[in-house]
């Protein structure tokens, strides 16, 4: 698994992903991101390589999402409206 660079673009690959306050499944939910939502990676949660800290652009929330729910991209995708 590659390590996302700070500021690397990503998107939610699962149908939905809960953005959490801390890098664990039982942490408080901050919001929900949906498939295709763009995000910016801030790196792996320290000591918790299964969680990545991201900012979800659509809802403006920064928190932790399980890495299995995220797809990585070198450049920001553009929505075409189709």
Protein backbone atom coordinates (compact mmCIF):
# COMPACT_ATOMS: atom_id res chain seq x y z
CA UNK A 1 0.00 0.00 0.00
CA UNK A 2 1.53 3.31 -1.03
CA UNK A 3 1.59 6.21 1.36
CA UNK A 4 -0.35 9.24 0.15
CA UNK A 5 1.68 12.41 -0.08
CA UNK A 6 0.38 15.40 1.84
CA UNK A 7 -2.02 17.22 -0.44
CA UNK A 8 -2.51 14.25 -2.77
CA UNK A 9 -5.94 14.09 -4.38
CA UNK A 10 -8.21 11.17 -3.60
CA UNK A 11 -11.84 10.17 -3.96
CA UNK A 12 -14.26 7.99 -2.08
CA UNK A 13 -14.45 4.61 -3.83
CA UNK A 14 -17.11 2.97 -1.64
CA UNK A 15 -20.84 3.74 -1.83
CA UNK A 16 -20.38 5.75 1.37
CA UNK A 17 -17.75 6.42 4.01
CA UNK A 18 -18.11 7.77 7.51
CA UNK A 19 -15.65 10.55 8.27
CA UNK A 20 -14.54 10.05 11.88
CA UNK A 21 -13.02 12.36 14.49
CA UNK A 22 -10.29 9.82 15.33
CA UNK A 23 -8.74 6.92 13.41
CA UNK A 24 -10.92 4.15 14.79
CA UNK A 25 -14.30 2.63 13.98
CA UNK A 26 -15.92 3.63 17.28
CA UNK A 27 -14.88 7.32 17.06
CA UNK A 28 -17.51 10.03 16.67
CA UNK A 29 -18.86 10.48 13.16
CA UNK A 30 -18.28 13.94 11.68
CA UNK A 31 -20.20 13.35 8.47
CA UNK A 32 -20.71 11.02 5.52
CA UNK A 33 -18.91 11.09 2.18
CA UNK A 34 -20.32 9.34 -0.87
CA UNK A 35 -18.87 7.50 -3.85
CA UNK A 36 -17.02 9.92 -6.11
CA UNK A 37 -16.62 12.67 -3.48
CA UNK A 38 -13.21 14.29 -3.94
CA UNK A 39 -10.83 14.60 -1.03
CA UNK A 40 -7.36 15.78 -0.17
CA UNK A 41 -5.10 13.42 1.79
CA UNK A 42 -3.15 14.67 4.79
CA UNK A 43 -1.31 11.36 5.39
CA UNK A 44 -1.73 8.23 7.44
CA UNK A 45 -2.95 8.33 11.01
CA UNK A 46 0.12 7.88 13.18
CA UNK A 47 0.44 4.25 14.21
CA UNK A 48 -2.81 3.37 12.43
CA UNK A 49 -1.87 2.59 8.81
CA UNK A 50 -5.40 1.49 7.91
CA UNK A 51 -6.76 5.04 8.41
CA UNK A 52 -5.99 8.14 6.41
CA UNK A 53 -6.69 11.76 7.36
CA UNK A 54 -8.58 13.54 4.58
CA UNK A 55 -10.59 16.65 3.86
CA UNK A 56 -13.81 15.90 1.98
CA UNK A 57 -14.24 18.81 -0.42
CA UNK A 58 -18.02 18.63 -0.90
CA UNK A 59 -18.81 18.96 2.81
CA UNK A 60 -15.63 20.70 4.01
CA UNK A 61 -14.95 18.21 6.81
CA UNK A 62 -11.51 16.99 7.82
CA UNK A 63 -11.29 13.66 9.59
CA UNK A 64 -10.32 10.03 9.24
CA UNK A 65 -11.59 7.50 6.69
CA UNK A 66 -10.60 3.86 6.45
CA UNK A 67 -8.11 3.49 3.60
CA UNK A 68 -10.07 0.64 1.99
CA UNK A 69 -12.76 3.20 1.11
CA UNK A 70 -10.40 5.63 -0.67
CA UNK A 71 -8.95 5.64 -4.21
CA UNK A 72 -5.80 7.63 -4.96
CA UNK A 73 -5.17 9.96 -7.88
CA UNK A 74 -2.24 12.11 -8.96
CA UNK A 75 -4.49 14.85 -10.21
CA UNK A 76 -7.93 16.13 -9.33
CA UNK A 77 -10.76 14.61 -11.34
CA UNK A 78 -13.21 16.96 -12.99
CA UNK A 79 -16.94 16.28 -12.93
CA UNK A 80 -18.31 16.47 -16.47
CA UNK A 81 -21.99 16.58 -15.56
CA UNK A 82 -22.73 13.38 -17.43
